[in-house]
Amino acid sequence: MNSMSTSPTPASVPTPADRWWVLLLLAGSMAATRYHHFSDVLHLADTSWAVFFLAGLWLRARWVFPALLGLALGIDLISVVQDGAAMNACFTPAYPGLLLAYGALWLAGRAAQRALDTGLVQILNRLGWATIGTLAAFALSNLTFWAFSGHFGALGLLDYADRVMPYLGRYIQSTLGYVLIGLAVAHLGTLRLRAPANPAPFRQG
């Protein structure tokens, strides 16, 4: 049996047609929230970390990951053009560390995809891997920024960690929140696909 033709469930990979919609929705959410001019107006946190996790979870094609990396880089470059010096601090020799962080989230999504659990256990599994991916991404992005950005001079790693650790909770909260929204939307889509197209009329006995 060809798994590409089966109706998607929360535990499975979307069908080929659905994957394009998933990719468009993920990319659109990142485009809408990554550049602060849009996210500030919408009062939304950046979805990028959740996007890379969910893409790893749902999208098998290997080209999706570099495509999303290219989108993130393109948005950042546009922000530099628009905001100039205000955003130049983001583009340092440490910038590849951010790409490594996205890779950690992508791999966490791939790992979560392999789980065969169902129901609540599956949701907890997804959230657990999302948390692991977020912790790894936070460590990679901040460690490389401290080591290679050139902004911190003689500031020691422990002192730098004391400065950035208060932000960890916010990253976990926003990433898991968006992941939960994505899982809920996927579940609702599954229920819609499972509903009969022409339900039988109600007959009173």
Protein backbone atom coordinates (compact mmCIF):
# COMPACT_ATOMS: atom_id res chain seq x y z
CA MET A 1 0.00 0.00 0.00
CA ASN A 2 1.26 3.45 -0.89
CA SER A 3 1.35 5.64 2.21
CA MET A 4 1.28 8.75 0.01
CA SER A 5 -2.36 8.11 -0.78
CA THR A 6 -3.67 7.64 2.73
CA SER A 7 -5.59 10.32 4.57
CA PRO A 8 -3.36 12.15 7.01
CA THR A 9 -3.68 11.58 10.72
CA PRO A 10 -1.90 13.34 13.54
CA ALA A 11 0.65 10.48 13.56
CA SER A 12 1.28 10.40 9.82
CA VAL A 13 2.87 12.56 7.19
CA PRO A 14 0.50 14.72 5.11
CA THR A 15 -0.36 13.64 1.59
CA PRO A 16 1.61 15.25 -1.28
CA ALA A 17 -1.15 17.79 -1.95
CA ASP A 18 -1.44 18.66 1.72
CA ARG A 19 2.32 19.10 2.06
CA TRP A 20 2.28 22.12 -0.24
CA TRP A 21 -0.42 23.74 1.88
CA VAL A 22 1.51 22.93 5.04
CA LEU A 23 4.68 24.44 3.57
CA LEU A 24 2.85 27.57 2.42
CA LEU A 25 1.24 28.04 5.84
CA LEU A 26 4.53 27.54 7.68
CA ALA A 27 6.44 29.85 5.35
CA GLY A 28 3.67 32.44 5.48
CA SER A 29 3.62 32.47 9.27
CA MET A 30 7.37 32.97 9.38
CA ALA A 31 7.20 35.77 6.84
CA ALA A 32 4.44 37.47 8.84
CA THR A 33 6.12 37.25 12.25
CA ARG A 34 9.89 37.17 11.68
CA TYR A 35 10.20 40.75 10.47
CA HIS A 36 9.32 42.88 13.47
CA HIS A 37 7.43 45.52 11.48
CA PHE A 38 4.72 42.93 10.83
CA SER A 39 4.93 41.04 14.12
CA ASP A 40 4.75 44.24 16.17
CA VAL A 41 1.55 45.27 14.41
CA LEU A 42 0.05 41.80 14.88
CA HIS A 43 1.43 41.46 18.44
CA LEU A 44 2.76 38.00 17.56
CA ALA A 45 5.97 36.28 18.57
CA ASP A 46 8.27 34.97 15.85
CA THR A 47 7.12 31.53 14.66
CA SER A 48 10.49 30.55 13.12
CA TRP A 49 11.50 28.02 15.78
CA ALA A 50 8.13 26.26 15.68
CA VAL A 51 8.15 26.38 11.88
CA PHE A 52 11.40 24.43 11.63
CA PHE A 53 10.21 21.87 14.17
CA LEU A 54 6.85 21.35 12.45
CA ALA A 55 8.50 21.20 9.03
CA GLY A 56 10.79 18.45 10.30
CA LEU A 57 7.76 16.68 11.77
CA TRP A 58 5.50 16.85 8.72
CA LEU A 59 7.57 17.40 5.57
CA ARG A 60 9.85 14.63 4.33
CA ALA A 61 11.45 16.33 1.34
CA ARG A 62 15.06 17.24 2.10
CA TRP A 63 14.91 20.43 0.04
CA VAL A 64 12.35 21.95 2.42
CA PHE A 65 14.95 22.61 5.12
CA PRO A 66 17.35 24.65 2.92
CA ALA A 67 14.35 26.40 1.37
CA LEU A 68 13.17 27.55 4.79
CA LEU A 69 16.72 28.57 5.68
CA GLY A 70 16.80 30.67 2.52
CA LEU A 71 13.48 32.27 3.44
CA ALA A 72 14.72 33.13 6.93
CA LEU A 73 17.93 34.60 5.52
CA GLY A 74 16.00 36.58 2.92
CA ILE A 75 13.69 38.07 5.55
CA ASP A 76 16.69 39.03 7.68
CA LEU A 77 18.40 40.69 4.73
CA ILE A 78 15.25 42.67 3.97
CA SER A 79 15.14 43.80 7.60
CA VAL A 80 18.73 45.03 7.31
CA VAL A 81 17.88 47.00 4.17
CA GLN A 82 14.83 48.49 5.86
CA ASP A 83 16.27 49.16 9.31
CA GLY A 84 19.98 49.57 8.58
CA ALA A 85 22.19 49.73 11.64
CA ALA A 86 19.40 48.58 13.92
CA MET A 87 19.58 45.10 12.39
CA ASN A 88 23.24 44.95 11.37
CA ALA A 89 24.11 43.51 14.78
CA CYS A 90 22.30 40.33 13.75
CA PHE A 91 24.70 39.71 10.88
CA THR A 92 27.97 38.77 12.53
CA PRO A 93 30.36 35.83 12.06
CA ALA A 94 28.04 34.06 14.53
CA TYR A 95 25.06 34.06 12.14
CA PRO A 96 25.67 30.45 10.97
CA GLY A 97 25.05 29.43 14.57
CA LEU A 98 21.44 30.47 14.11
CA LEU A 99 21.22 28.14 11.12
CA LEU A 100 22.60 25.34 13.30
CA ALA A 101 19.88 26.12 15.82
CA TYR A 102 17.25 25.71 13.12
CA GLY A 103 18.86 22.42 12.19
CA ALA A 104 18.45 21.21 15.78
CA LEU A 105 14.74 22.05 15.67
CA TRP A 106 14.36 20.33 12.30
CA LEU A 107 16.06 17.17 13.60
CA ALA A 108 13.88 17.21 16.71
CA GLY A 109 10.83 17.26 14.45
CA ARG A 110 12.22 14.34 12.45
CA ALA A 111 12.79 12.40 15.66
CA ALA A 112 9.24 13.10 16.82
CA GLN A 113 7.95 11.87 13.46
CA ARG A 114 9.33 8.38 14.08
CA ALA A 115 7.29 7.83 17.26
CA LEU A 116 4.39 5.39 16.86
CA ASP A 117 2.38 6.64 19.83
CA THR A 118 -1.19 7.83 19.48
CA GLY A 119 -3.56 10.14 21.30
CA LEU A 120 -2.38 12.09 24.32
CA VAL A 121 0.90 10.16 24.47
CA GLN A 122 1.66 11.29 20.93
CA ILE A 123 0.99 14.92 21.78
CA LEU A 124 3.23 14.72 24.83
CA ASN A 125 5.89 13.08 22.69
CA ARG A 126 5.71 15.92 20.16
CA LEU A 127 5.92 18.54 22.90
CA GLY A 128 8.81 16.71 24.53
CA TRP A 129 10.83 16.70 21.32
CA ALA A 130 9.89 20.34 20.69
CA THR A 131 11.24 21.21 24.13
CA ILE A 132 14.47 19.31 23.46
CA GLY A 133 14.83 21.07 20.11
CA THR A 134 14.19 24.45 21.68
CA LEU A 135 16.78 23.87 24.40
CA ALA A 136 19.35 22.75 21.81
CA ALA A 137 18.56 25.70 19.55
CA PHE A 138 18.81 28.16 22.43
CA ALA A 139 22.18 26.72 23.47
CA LEU A 140 23.60 26.67 19.94
CA SER A 141 22.45 30.15 18.96
CA ASN A 142 23.64 31.78 22.17
CA LEU A 143 26.90 29.88 22.47
CA THR A 144 27.93 30.75 18.93
CA PHE A 145 26.79 34.36 19.37
CA TRP A 146 28.93 34.69 22.50
CA ALA A 147 31.94 33.02 20.88
CA PHE A 148 31.95 34.55 17.38
CA SER A 149 29.89 37.76 17.27
CA GLY A 150 32.67 39.94 18.66
CA HIS A 151 30.23 41.85 20.87
CA PHE A 152 31.25 40.56 24.27
CA GLY A 153 35.00 41.01 24.57
CA ALA A 154 36.20 39.69 27.90
CA LEU A 155 32.75 38.70 29.15
CA GLY A 156 32.97 35.13 30.42
CA LEU A 157 30.65 32.37 29.31
CA LEU A 158 29.03 31.99 32.73
CA ASP A 159 28.35 35.73 32.94
CA TYR A 160 26.88 35.66 29.45
CA ALA A 161 24.71 32.67 30.41
CA ASP A 162 23.39 34.62 33.40
CA ARG A 163 22.31 37.38 31.01
CA VAL A 164 20.50 35.19 28.49
CA MET A 165 18.94 32.48 30.66
CA PRO A 166 15.96 34.69 31.65
CA TYR A 167 14.89 34.60 27.98
CA LEU A 168 14.80 30.79 27.77
CA GLY A 169 11.32 30.50 29.25
CA ARG A 170 9.92 32.89 26.66
CA TYR A 171 11.40 30.84 23.82
CA ILE A 172 10.01 27.60 25.21
CA GLN A 173 6.60 29.15 25.78
CA SER A 174 6.26 30.65 22.31
CA THR A 175 7.64 27.60 20.50
CA LEU A 176 5.46 25.09 22.33
CA GLY A 177 2.45 27.38 21.97
CA TYR A 178 2.82 27.53 18.21
CA VAL A 179 3.50 23.77 18.02
CA LEU A 180 0.29 23.11 19.95
CA ILE A 181 -1.64 25.36 17.57
CA GLY A 182 -0.16 23.50 14.62
CA LEU A 183 -1.05 20.10 16.08
CA ALA A 184 -4.58 21.29 16.84
CA VAL A 185 -5.08 22.55 13.29
CA ALA A 186 -3.74 19.27 11.92
CA HIS A 187 -6.12 17.31 14.13
CA LEU A 188 -9.10 19.39 13.05
CA GLY A 189 -8.10 18.83 9.43
CA THR A 190 -7.99 15.08 10.07
CA LEU A 191 -11.48 15.13 11.57
CA ARG A 192 -12.75 17.03 8.53
CA LEU A 193 -11.21 14.50 6.15
CA ARG A 194 -12.66 11.59 8.10
CA ALA A 195 -16.18 13.05 8.09
CA PRO A 196 -18.47 11.43 5.47
CA ALA A 197 -19.02 13.57 2.38
CA ASN A 198 -22.74 12.74 2.25
CA PRO A 199 -23.90 11.78 5.72
CA ALA A 200 -26.94 9.58 5.90
CA PRO A 201 -30.14 11.42 6.85
CA PHE A 202 -31.40 10.98 10.39
CA ARG A 203 -34.24 8.52 10.61
CA GLN A 204 -36.41 8.34 13.65
CA GLY A 205 -37.08 4.77 14.72
